[in-house]
N, C-alpha and C. Protein backbone atom coordinates (compact mmCIF):
# COMPACT_ATOMS: atom_id res chain seq x y z
N MET A 1 78.52 117.19 57.67
CA MET A 1 79.88 117.47 58.15
C MET A 1 80.86 116.51 57.47
N LYS A 2 81.98 117.05 57.03
CA LYS A 2 83.00 116.24 56.37
C LYS A 2 83.64 115.30 57.38
N PRO A 3 83.76 114.00 57.05
CA PRO A 3 84.37 113.07 58.02
C PRO A 3 85.85 113.38 58.24
N ALA A 4 86.37 112.92 59.36
CA ALA A 4 87.80 113.07 59.63
C ALA A 4 88.58 112.40 58.50
N PRO A 5 89.76 112.91 58.18
CA PRO A 5 90.50 112.38 57.02
C PRO A 5 90.93 110.93 57.16
N TRP A 6 90.82 110.34 58.34
CA TRP A 6 91.20 108.94 58.53
C TRP A 6 89.98 108.01 58.50
N LEU A 7 88.80 108.59 58.18
CA LEU A 7 87.57 107.80 58.17
C LEU A 7 86.95 107.75 56.78
N GLN A 8 86.30 106.64 56.47
CA GLN A 8 85.47 106.52 55.29
C GLN A 8 84.19 107.32 55.52
N PRO A 9 83.47 107.69 54.46
CA PRO A 9 82.20 108.40 54.65
C PRO A 9 81.24 107.69 55.59
N GLY A 10 81.26 106.36 55.62
CA GLY A 10 80.38 105.61 56.51
C GLY A 10 80.88 105.52 57.94
N GLY A 11 82.07 106.02 58.20
CA GLY A 11 82.61 106.04 59.56
C GLY A 11 83.65 104.98 59.85
N SER A 12 83.90 104.05 58.92
CA SER A 12 84.92 103.03 59.15
C SER A 12 86.30 103.61 58.87
N LEU A 13 87.30 102.97 59.44
CA LEU A 13 88.67 103.45 59.27
C LEU A 13 89.18 103.14 57.86
N ARG A 14 89.93 104.07 57.29
CA ARG A 14 90.49 103.90 55.96
C ARG A 14 91.78 103.09 56.02
N CYS A 15 91.97 102.21 55.04
CA CYS A 15 93.24 101.50 54.90
C CYS A 15 94.08 102.33 53.92
N PHE A 16 95.06 103.04 54.44
CA PHE A 16 95.86 103.94 53.59
C PHE A 16 96.72 103.17 52.61
N ALA A 17 97.11 101.94 52.96
CA ALA A 17 97.93 101.14 52.05
C ALA A 17 97.13 100.74 50.81
N CYS A 18 95.89 100.27 51.02
CA CYS A 18 95.05 99.90 49.88
C CYS A 18 94.78 101.10 48.98
N GLU A 19 94.45 102.22 49.59
CA GLU A 19 94.11 103.41 48.82
C GLU A 19 95.31 103.94 48.04
N THR A 20 96.47 103.87 48.63
CA THR A 20 97.66 104.38 47.95
C THR A 20 98.01 103.51 46.76
N SER A 21 97.93 102.19 46.95
CA SER A 21 98.22 101.29 45.84
C SER A 21 97.26 101.50 44.69
N ALA A 22 95.96 101.68 45.00
CA ALA A 22 94.97 101.89 43.96
C ALA A 22 95.22 103.22 43.23
N ALA A 23 95.58 104.24 43.99
CA ALA A 23 95.80 105.56 43.39
C ALA A 23 97.01 105.55 42.47
N ARG A 24 97.95 104.64 42.72
CA ARG A 24 99.16 104.58 41.90
C ARG A 24 99.06 103.48 40.84
N LEU A 25 97.82 103.22 40.41
CA LEU A 25 97.57 102.35 39.26
C LEU A 25 98.20 100.97 39.41
N GLY A 26 98.07 100.42 40.62
CA GLY A 26 98.54 99.06 40.83
C GLY A 26 100.03 98.91 41.00
N ARG A 27 100.78 100.00 40.90
CA ARG A 27 102.23 99.91 41.06
C ARG A 27 102.64 99.84 42.52
N GLY A 28 101.70 100.03 43.38
CA GLY A 28 102.03 100.07 44.80
C GLY A 28 102.62 101.43 45.14
N GLY A 29 102.93 101.63 46.37
CA GLY A 29 103.50 102.90 46.80
C GLY A 29 103.44 103.00 48.30
N ASP A 30 104.32 103.75 48.86
CA ASP A 30 104.41 103.92 50.30
C ASP A 30 103.44 105.01 50.73
N PRO A 31 102.41 104.67 51.54
CA PRO A 31 101.48 105.71 52.00
C PRO A 31 102.20 106.84 52.72
N ASP A 32 103.29 106.52 53.44
CA ASP A 32 104.04 107.56 54.14
C ASP A 32 104.46 108.67 53.18
N LYS A 33 104.73 108.31 51.94
CA LYS A 33 105.24 109.28 50.97
C LYS A 33 104.16 109.80 50.03
N PHE A 34 103.21 108.92 49.65
CA PHE A 34 102.31 109.27 48.56
C PHE A 34 100.88 109.60 48.96
N ASN A 35 100.48 109.38 50.21
CA ASN A 35 99.08 109.59 50.57
C ASN A 35 98.88 110.91 51.31
N ALA A 36 98.30 111.88 50.62
CA ALA A 36 98.08 113.21 51.20
C ALA A 36 97.08 113.17 52.34
N ASP A 37 96.11 112.25 52.29
CA ASP A 37 95.13 112.16 53.37
C ASP A 37 95.75 111.61 54.65
N LEU A 38 96.74 110.75 54.51
CA LEU A 38 97.46 110.29 55.70
C LEU A 38 98.22 111.44 56.33
N ARG A 39 98.86 112.27 55.51
CA ARG A 39 99.55 113.44 56.05
C ARG A 39 98.57 114.40 56.73
N GLU A 40 97.39 114.59 56.11
CA GLU A 40 96.40 115.47 56.72
C GLU A 40 95.91 114.90 58.04
N SER A 41 95.77 113.59 58.12
CA SER A 41 95.38 112.96 59.38
C SER A 41 96.40 113.25 60.47
N HIS A 42 97.69 113.10 60.12
CA HIS A 42 98.74 113.42 61.09
C HIS A 42 98.70 114.88 61.49
N ARG A 43 98.47 115.76 60.52
CA ARG A 43 98.44 117.20 60.82
C ARG A 43 97.36 117.49 61.86
N VAL A 44 96.18 116.91 61.67
CA VAL A 44 95.07 117.15 62.59
C VAL A 44 95.37 116.55 63.97
N LEU A 45 95.83 115.31 64.00
CA LEU A 45 95.99 114.60 65.27
C LEU A 45 97.21 115.03 66.07
N TRP A 46 98.26 115.47 65.39
CA TRP A 46 99.49 115.82 66.10
C TRP A 46 99.60 117.30 66.43
N SER A 47 98.74 118.13 65.91
CA SER A 47 98.74 119.55 66.30
C SER A 47 98.07 119.63 67.66
N ARG A 48 98.89 119.77 68.69
CA ARG A 48 98.38 119.64 70.06
C ARG A 48 99.23 120.46 71.02
N PRO A 49 98.69 120.73 72.22
CA PRO A 49 99.48 121.47 73.22
C PRO A 49 100.71 120.67 73.65
N LEU A 50 101.77 121.40 73.96
CA LEU A 50 103.00 120.79 74.47
C LEU A 50 103.12 121.05 75.97
N PRO A 51 103.96 120.30 76.66
CA PRO A 51 104.07 120.47 78.12
C PRO A 51 104.46 121.88 78.56
N ASP A 52 105.20 122.62 77.71
CA ASP A 52 105.63 123.96 78.12
C ASP A 52 104.59 125.03 77.82
N GLY A 53 103.40 124.63 77.41
CA GLY A 53 102.34 125.59 77.15
C GLY A 53 102.23 126.01 75.69
N GLN A 54 103.25 125.72 74.89
CA GLN A 54 103.18 126.04 73.48
C GLN A 54 102.36 124.97 72.77
N LYS A 55 102.18 125.15 71.46
CA LYS A 55 101.41 124.18 70.70
C LYS A 55 102.25 123.65 69.55
N LEU A 56 102.20 122.35 69.37
CA LEU A 56 102.85 121.73 68.23
C LEU A 56 101.93 121.92 67.03
N GLU A 57 102.38 122.68 66.05
CA GLU A 57 101.58 122.94 64.86
C GLU A 57 102.29 122.39 63.64
N LEU A 58 101.56 121.62 62.85
CA LEU A 58 102.10 121.02 61.64
C LEU A 58 101.32 121.53 60.44
N GLU A 59 102.01 121.66 59.32
CA GLU A 59 101.32 122.00 58.08
C GLU A 59 102.05 121.33 56.92
N ALA A 60 101.33 121.12 55.83
CA ALA A 60 101.92 120.46 54.67
C ALA A 60 103.07 121.29 54.13
N ASP A 61 104.14 120.60 53.74
CA ASP A 61 105.32 121.25 53.21
C ASP A 61 105.46 120.88 51.73
N ARG A 62 106.10 121.74 50.97
CA ARG A 62 106.25 121.46 49.54
C ARG A 62 107.02 120.17 49.28
N SER A 63 107.77 119.72 50.25
CA SER A 63 108.55 118.49 50.09
C SER A 63 107.67 117.24 50.15
N GLY A 64 106.41 117.42 50.56
CA GLY A 64 105.53 116.27 50.75
C GLY A 64 105.49 115.79 52.18
N TYR A 65 106.29 116.43 53.05
CA TYR A 65 106.28 116.08 54.47
C TYR A 65 105.50 117.12 55.24
N LEU A 66 105.46 117.00 56.55
CA LEU A 66 104.79 117.97 57.41
C LEU A 66 105.83 118.86 58.07
N LYS A 67 105.65 120.14 57.96
CA LYS A 67 106.57 121.10 58.56
C LYS A 67 106.10 121.44 59.97
N VAL A 68 107.05 121.53 60.90
CA VAL A 68 106.74 121.93 62.28
C VAL A 68 106.73 123.45 62.32
N VAL A 69 105.55 124.04 62.26
CA VAL A 69 105.41 125.49 62.15
C VAL A 69 105.88 126.19 63.41
N SER A 70 105.72 125.56 64.57
CA SER A 70 106.00 126.20 65.84
C SER A 70 107.49 126.35 66.13
N LEU A 71 108.38 125.86 65.25
CA LEU A 71 109.82 126.03 65.43
C LEU A 71 110.35 127.05 64.44
N SER A 72 111.33 127.85 64.87
CA SER A 72 111.88 128.87 63.99
C SER A 72 112.70 128.25 62.86
N GLU A 73 113.41 127.14 63.16
CA GLU A 73 114.18 126.46 62.12
C GLU A 73 113.26 125.58 61.30
N ARG A 74 113.66 125.32 60.05
CA ARG A 74 112.85 124.44 59.22
C ARG A 74 113.05 123.00 59.67
N ARG A 75 112.03 122.42 60.23
CA ARG A 75 112.05 121.05 60.69
C ARG A 75 110.83 120.34 60.12
N THR A 76 111.00 119.13 59.62
CA THR A 76 109.87 118.38 59.08
C THR A 76 109.81 117.00 59.72
N VAL A 77 108.61 116.43 59.69
CA VAL A 77 108.40 115.08 60.19
C VAL A 77 107.72 114.26 59.10
N GLY A 78 107.94 112.96 59.14
CA GLY A 78 107.34 112.06 58.17
C GLY A 78 106.63 110.93 58.86
N SER A 79 105.70 110.33 58.15
CA SER A 79 104.90 109.24 58.69
C SER A 79 105.69 107.93 58.68
N ASP A 80 105.37 107.07 59.65
CA ASP A 80 106.00 105.75 59.71
C ASP A 80 104.97 104.74 60.19
N ASN A 81 104.85 103.63 59.50
CA ASN A 81 103.94 102.57 59.90
C ASN A 81 104.64 101.68 60.93
N PHE A 82 104.14 101.67 62.15
CA PHE A 82 104.80 100.87 63.18
C PHE A 82 104.09 99.55 63.44
N ALA A 83 102.87 99.41 62.93
CA ALA A 83 102.13 98.16 63.12
C ALA A 83 102.44 97.25 61.94
N THR A 84 103.53 96.53 62.03
CA THR A 84 104.01 95.75 60.89
C THR A 84 103.82 94.26 61.11
N THR A 85 103.69 93.53 60.00
CA THR A 85 103.58 92.07 60.06
C THR A 85 104.92 91.41 59.78
N HIS A 86 105.95 92.21 59.50
CA HIS A 86 107.28 91.68 59.18
C HIS A 86 107.19 90.73 57.98
N GLY A 87 106.46 91.19 56.96
CA GLY A 87 106.22 90.37 55.78
C GLY A 87 107.47 89.96 55.04
N ASN A 88 108.52 90.79 55.10
CA ASN A 88 109.78 90.44 54.42
C ASN A 88 110.62 89.49 55.26
N ALA A 89 110.73 89.77 56.56
CA ALA A 89 111.57 88.94 57.42
C ALA A 89 110.91 87.61 57.77
N LEU A 90 109.58 87.63 57.93
CA LEU A 90 108.85 86.42 58.33
C LEU A 90 107.66 86.21 57.40
N PRO A 91 107.92 85.97 56.11
CA PRO A 91 106.81 85.89 55.14
C PRO A 91 105.79 84.80 55.42
N THR A 92 106.24 83.63 55.86
CA THR A 92 105.30 82.54 56.12
C THR A 92 104.36 82.89 57.26
N LEU A 93 104.91 83.44 58.32
CA LEU A 93 104.10 83.84 59.46
C LEU A 93 103.14 84.95 59.07
N ALA A 94 103.63 85.93 58.30
CA ALA A 94 102.80 87.06 57.91
C ALA A 94 101.60 86.60 57.08
N ARG A 95 101.83 85.69 56.15
CA ARG A 95 100.74 85.23 55.29
C ARG A 95 99.72 84.39 56.05
N ALA A 96 100.13 83.86 57.18
CA ALA A 96 99.21 83.05 57.99
C ALA A 96 98.26 83.91 58.81
N VAL A 97 98.54 85.21 58.91
CA VAL A 97 97.68 86.11 59.68
C VAL A 97 96.39 86.35 58.90
N ASP A 98 95.27 86.18 59.55
CA ASP A 98 93.98 86.37 58.89
C ASP A 98 93.85 87.82 58.42
N GLY A 99 93.54 88.00 57.15
CA GLY A 99 93.37 89.34 56.59
C GLY A 99 94.59 89.87 55.88
N PHE A 100 95.70 89.13 55.90
CA PHE A 100 96.92 89.59 55.24
C PHE A 100 96.78 89.39 53.73
N SER A 101 96.93 90.47 52.96
CA SER A 101 96.86 90.37 51.50
C SER A 101 97.61 91.55 50.89
N HIS A 102 98.08 91.37 49.67
CA HIS A 102 98.79 92.42 48.93
C HIS A 102 99.95 93.00 49.74
N GLY A 103 100.57 92.16 50.54
CA GLY A 103 101.75 92.60 51.28
C GLY A 103 101.47 93.37 52.55
N HIS A 104 100.21 93.47 52.97
CA HIS A 104 99.94 94.19 54.22
C HIS A 104 98.66 93.65 54.86
N LEU A 105 98.45 94.05 56.09
CA LEU A 105 97.25 93.72 56.84
C LEU A 105 96.46 95.01 57.00
N CYS A 106 95.25 95.05 56.46
CA CYS A 106 94.50 96.31 56.41
C CYS A 106 94.33 96.96 57.78
N THR A 107 94.06 96.15 58.82
CA THR A 107 93.86 96.74 60.15
C THR A 107 95.12 97.42 60.67
N PHE A 108 96.29 97.04 60.14
CA PHE A 108 97.54 97.67 60.56
C PHE A 108 97.81 98.97 59.80
N CYS A 109 97.05 99.20 58.73
CA CYS A 109 97.33 100.35 57.87
C CYS A 109 96.27 101.44 57.99
N THR A 110 95.50 101.39 59.10
CA THR A 110 94.62 102.51 59.44
C THR A 110 95.44 103.52 60.23
N ILE A 111 94.84 104.63 60.59
CA ILE A 111 95.61 105.70 61.24
C ILE A 111 96.24 105.25 62.55
N GLY A 112 95.61 104.28 63.24
CA GLY A 112 96.17 103.81 64.51
C GLY A 112 97.48 103.06 64.36
N GLY A 113 97.85 102.69 63.11
CA GLY A 113 99.10 101.98 62.88
C GLY A 113 100.25 102.87 62.46
N TYR A 114 100.03 104.20 62.53
CA TYR A 114 101.07 105.12 62.06
C TYR A 114 101.50 106.09 63.16
N ILE A 115 102.71 106.56 63.04
CA ILE A 115 103.29 107.55 63.94
C ILE A 115 104.13 108.50 63.09
N VAL A 116 104.54 109.61 63.66
CA VAL A 116 105.45 110.50 62.93
C VAL A 116 106.77 110.61 63.67
N PHE A 117 107.85 110.68 62.91
CA PHE A 117 109.19 110.90 63.44
C PHE A 117 109.87 111.95 62.56
N PRO A 118 110.87 112.64 63.10
CA PRO A 118 111.61 113.59 62.26
C PRO A 118 112.31 112.88 61.12
N ASN A 119 112.43 113.57 60.01
CA ASN A 119 113.09 112.96 58.86
C ASN A 119 114.08 113.94 58.24
N GLY A 120 114.87 113.48 57.33
CA GLY A 120 115.85 114.34 56.68
C GLY A 120 117.15 114.37 57.46
N LEU A 121 118.21 113.89 56.84
CA LEU A 121 119.50 113.84 57.52
C LEU A 121 120.02 115.22 57.88
N ALA A 122 119.61 116.24 57.13
CA ALA A 122 120.07 117.59 57.42
C ALA A 122 119.54 118.09 58.75
N GLN A 123 118.54 117.41 59.29
CA GLN A 123 117.95 117.84 60.56
C GLN A 123 118.67 117.23 61.77
N GLN A 124 119.64 116.38 61.52
CA GLN A 124 120.41 115.86 62.63
C GLN A 124 121.23 116.99 63.26
N LEU A 125 121.29 116.99 64.58
CA LEU A 125 122.05 117.99 65.31
C LEU A 125 123.32 117.37 65.87
N PRO A 126 124.34 118.19 66.14
CA PRO A 126 125.57 117.64 66.73
C PRO A 126 125.27 116.94 68.05
N VAL A 127 125.94 115.83 68.28
CA VAL A 127 125.76 115.10 69.53
C VAL A 127 127.00 115.30 70.40
N ARG A 128 127.09 114.54 71.47
CA ARG A 128 128.17 114.73 72.43
C ARG A 128 129.55 114.68 71.79
N ALA A 129 130.49 115.31 72.44
CA ALA A 129 131.89 115.25 71.98
C ALA A 129 132.33 113.80 71.92
N ASN A 130 133.16 113.48 70.94
CA ASN A 130 133.69 112.13 70.75
C ASN A 130 132.61 111.11 70.38
N SER A 131 131.46 111.60 69.95
CA SER A 131 130.38 110.70 69.54
C SER A 131 129.87 111.17 68.19
N ARG A 132 129.65 110.24 67.29
CA ARG A 132 129.21 110.58 65.95
C ARG A 132 127.97 109.77 65.60
N ALA A 133 126.89 110.47 65.30
CA ALA A 133 125.64 109.78 64.98
C ALA A 133 125.71 109.18 63.59
N ARG A 134 125.18 107.98 63.46
CA ARG A 134 125.08 107.38 62.14
C ARG A 134 124.11 108.19 61.29
N ARG A 135 124.35 108.21 59.99
CA ARG A 135 123.53 109.02 59.08
C ARG A 135 122.26 108.26 58.71
N TRP A 136 121.40 108.11 59.70
CA TRP A 136 120.11 107.47 59.52
C TRP A 136 119.04 108.38 60.08
N THR A 137 117.84 108.31 59.50
CA THR A 137 116.70 108.91 60.17
C THR A 137 116.25 107.93 61.26
N VAL A 138 115.33 108.36 62.11
CA VAL A 138 114.82 107.47 63.15
C VAL A 138 114.14 106.25 62.51
N ASN A 139 113.36 106.49 61.47
CA ASN A 139 112.68 105.38 60.79
C ASN A 139 113.69 104.38 60.25
N GLN A 140 114.75 104.89 59.61
CA GLN A 140 115.77 103.99 59.06
C GLN A 140 116.49 103.24 60.17
N ALA A 141 116.83 103.94 61.23
CA ALA A 141 117.61 103.33 62.32
C ALA A 141 116.86 102.18 62.96
N ARG A 142 115.59 102.37 63.23
CA ARG A 142 114.85 101.30 63.91
C ARG A 142 114.59 100.12 62.98
N GLY A 143 114.65 100.35 61.67
CA GLY A 143 114.48 99.25 60.73
C GLY A 143 115.78 98.54 60.40
N MET A 144 116.88 99.30 60.37
CA MET A 144 118.16 98.74 59.93
C MET A 144 118.98 98.11 61.05
N ASP A 145 118.84 98.62 62.26
CA ASP A 145 119.61 98.04 63.36
C ASP A 145 118.98 96.71 63.75
N ARG A 146 119.75 95.64 63.67
CA ARG A 146 119.20 94.29 63.89
C ARG A 146 118.69 94.09 65.31
N ARG A 147 119.17 94.89 66.24
CA ARG A 147 118.70 94.72 67.61
C ARG A 147 117.29 95.28 67.81
N ILE A 148 116.81 96.09 66.84
CA ILE A 148 115.46 96.62 66.87
C ILE A 148 114.60 95.92 65.82
N ALA A 149 115.13 95.83 64.60
CA ALA A 149 114.48 95.10 63.50
C ALA A 149 113.03 95.52 63.28
N ASP A 150 112.77 96.83 63.39
CA ASP A 150 111.44 97.40 63.11
C ASP A 150 110.40 97.10 64.17
N ARG A 151 110.78 96.45 65.26
CA ARG A 151 109.80 96.15 66.32
C ARG A 151 109.50 97.43 67.09
N PHE A 152 108.20 97.72 67.25
CA PHE A 152 107.86 98.97 67.91
C PHE A 152 107.98 98.89 69.42
N ASP A 153 107.81 97.70 70.00
CA ASP A 153 108.02 97.58 71.43
C ASP A 153 109.46 97.93 71.79
N LEU A 154 110.40 97.46 70.97
CA LEU A 154 111.81 97.76 71.22
C LEU A 154 112.11 99.23 70.88
N THR A 155 111.41 99.79 69.89
CA THR A 155 111.57 101.21 69.57
C THR A 155 111.17 102.05 70.76
N LEU A 156 110.04 101.73 71.38
CA LEU A 156 109.60 102.48 72.56
C LEU A 156 110.61 102.35 73.70
N GLU A 157 111.19 101.17 73.85
CA GLU A 157 112.16 100.97 74.93
C GLU A 157 113.41 101.82 74.72
N VAL A 158 113.91 101.90 73.48
CA VAL A 158 115.11 102.72 73.27
C VAL A 158 114.78 104.21 73.40
N ILE A 159 113.55 104.60 73.07
CA ILE A 159 113.15 106.00 73.29
C ILE A 159 113.07 106.28 74.79
N ARG A 160 112.53 105.33 75.55
CA ARG A 160 112.51 105.50 77.01
C ARG A 160 113.93 105.65 77.55
N MET A 161 114.85 104.82 77.04
CA MET A 161 116.24 104.90 77.48
C MET A 161 116.84 106.25 77.11
N TYR A 162 116.49 106.77 75.94
CA TYR A 162 116.99 108.10 75.54
C TYR A 162 116.56 109.14 76.57
N TYR A 163 115.27 109.13 76.95
CA TYR A 163 114.79 110.11 77.94
C TYR A 163 115.47 109.91 79.29
N ALA A 164 115.90 108.69 79.57
CA ALA A 164 116.60 108.42 80.83
C ALA A 164 118.08 108.78 80.74
N GLY A 165 118.50 109.28 79.58
CA GLY A 165 119.89 109.69 79.42
C GLY A 165 120.82 108.59 78.95
N ILE A 166 120.28 107.46 78.54
CA ILE A 166 121.09 106.33 78.08
C ILE A 166 121.16 106.37 76.56
N THR A 167 122.27 106.88 76.04
CA THR A 167 122.38 107.03 74.58
C THR A 167 123.58 106.30 73.99
N ASP A 168 124.45 105.75 74.83
CA ASP A 168 125.60 105.02 74.33
C ASP A 168 125.14 103.79 73.56
N ARG A 169 125.68 103.56 72.37
CA ARG A 169 125.21 102.49 71.51
C ARG A 169 125.42 101.10 72.10
N ALA A 170 126.34 100.97 73.04
CA ALA A 170 126.54 99.67 73.68
C ALA A 170 125.32 99.28 74.51
N GLN A 171 124.58 100.28 74.99
CA GLN A 171 123.39 100.02 75.80
C GLN A 171 122.10 100.31 75.04
N ASN A 172 122.12 101.37 74.25
CA ASN A 172 120.94 101.79 73.51
C ASN A 172 121.25 101.66 72.01
N PRO A 173 120.69 100.66 71.34
CA PRO A 173 121.06 100.37 69.95
C PRO A 173 121.02 101.56 69.00
N ILE A 174 120.06 102.46 69.16
CA ILE A 174 119.98 103.62 68.26
C ILE A 174 120.04 104.93 69.05
N GLY A 175 120.70 104.88 70.20
CA GLY A 175 120.79 106.07 71.04
C GLY A 175 121.44 107.24 70.35
N ASP A 176 122.45 106.99 69.49
CA ASP A 176 123.13 108.08 68.79
C ASP A 176 122.19 108.78 67.83
N VAL A 177 121.33 108.02 67.16
CA VAL A 177 120.40 108.62 66.20
C VAL A 177 119.31 109.39 66.92
N LEU A 178 118.78 108.84 68.01
CA LEU A 178 117.76 109.55 68.78
C LEU A 178 118.32 110.86 69.32
N GLU A 179 119.55 110.82 69.76
CA GLU A 179 120.19 112.03 70.30
C GLU A 179 120.37 113.08 69.21
N ALA A 180 120.67 112.63 68.00
CA ALA A 180 120.86 113.56 66.89
C ALA A 180 119.57 114.25 66.48
N TYR A 181 118.44 113.60 66.78
CA TYR A 181 117.14 114.22 66.53
C TYR A 181 116.49 114.64 67.84
N GLY A 182 117.31 115.02 68.81
CA GLY A 182 116.81 115.40 70.11
C GLY A 182 115.84 116.56 70.08
N TRP A 183 115.94 117.43 69.07
CA TRP A 183 115.03 118.58 68.99
C TRP A 183 113.57 118.14 68.98
N TRP A 184 113.29 116.95 68.37
CA TRP A 184 111.92 116.46 68.32
C TRP A 184 111.46 115.94 69.68
N PHE A 185 112.28 115.12 70.31
CA PHE A 185 111.89 114.52 71.57
C PHE A 185 111.81 115.56 72.69
N GLU A 186 112.64 116.60 72.60
CA GLU A 186 112.62 117.64 73.62
C GLU A 186 111.34 118.48 73.58
N LEU A 187 110.60 118.42 72.47
CA LEU A 187 109.32 119.13 72.42
C LEU A 187 108.35 118.61 73.49
N PHE A 188 108.51 117.35 73.88
CA PHE A 188 107.59 116.72 74.82
C PHE A 188 108.12 116.71 76.24
N GLY A 189 109.31 117.26 76.46
CA GLY A 189 109.89 117.32 77.79
C GLY A 189 111.26 116.67 77.80
N SER A 190 111.90 116.70 78.94
CA SER A 190 113.23 116.11 79.08
C SER A 190 113.28 115.23 80.31
N GLY A 191 114.29 114.36 80.34
CA GLY A 191 114.43 113.46 81.48
C GLY A 191 113.31 112.43 81.52
N ALA A 192 113.27 111.70 82.60
CA ALA A 192 112.28 110.63 82.74
C ALA A 192 110.84 111.11 82.57
N PRO A 193 110.46 112.33 83.04
CA PRO A 193 109.07 112.76 82.85
C PRO A 193 108.71 113.00 81.38
N GLY A 194 109.72 113.18 80.53
CA GLY A 194 109.42 113.46 79.12
C GLY A 194 108.84 112.28 78.38
N PHE A 195 109.22 111.07 78.77
CA PHE A 195 108.78 109.88 78.03
C PHE A 195 107.27 109.69 78.03
N PRO A 196 106.60 109.72 79.19
CA PRO A 196 105.14 109.52 79.15
C PRO A 196 104.40 110.66 78.47
N ARG A 197 105.04 111.82 78.30
CA ARG A 197 104.37 112.95 77.64
C ARG A 197 104.40 112.81 76.12
N MET A 198 105.31 111.96 75.62
CA MET A 198 105.41 111.81 74.18
C MET A 198 104.30 110.89 73.69
N PRO A 199 103.42 111.38 72.81
CA PRO A 199 102.37 110.50 72.29
C PRO A 199 103.00 109.30 71.59
N THR A 200 102.48 108.11 71.85
CA THR A 200 103.05 106.91 71.25
C THR A 200 102.31 106.46 70.02
N THR A 201 101.10 106.97 69.78
CA THR A 201 100.42 106.73 68.53
C THR A 201 99.72 108.01 68.13
N SER A 202 99.30 108.07 66.90
CA SER A 202 98.66 109.27 66.42
C SER A 202 97.17 109.31 66.71
N SER A 203 96.62 108.28 67.28
CA SER A 203 95.18 108.27 67.52
C SER A 203 94.87 108.49 68.99
């Protein structure tokens, strides 16, 4: 039987960062963009029943992202590594972590360290009157807003706040961006009950 796409033939977890760098002849590369097996892993793990009885179905798209087949409009999602060592912001601390090499920590770059979020600015939807969403994807927003700074614990908190209806940027640092990609979060439900239904990791 062929192993799951996130496993080595021997059953150990694959480090997608190492494999992507090797495949790109030492030039490095973002597994989110360049690793087809990571995308296939997401396709398998994220194709699942939704709270309303429908099924979230993903398939590879010509753009290199995953298309949400179960929606009539063209919507795509992309991979994001949330298990980060903050190697750029805190290089000394990152290098002190056992196993940190080549700019990453292998245990953080297995499938359990990745999630999917909607991508593509064209997929942003209009938000409330008198409110204008910044032109960021969710991945960009959580990395660029200093109040989040790529921390996933804070990312989860602002997503929880979004489900609670708190989207004003004075309270929710990236509430405007989450609201603009509301079509994705609404797949898992609305209001406070929607938050626990949203898978927080791909494994």
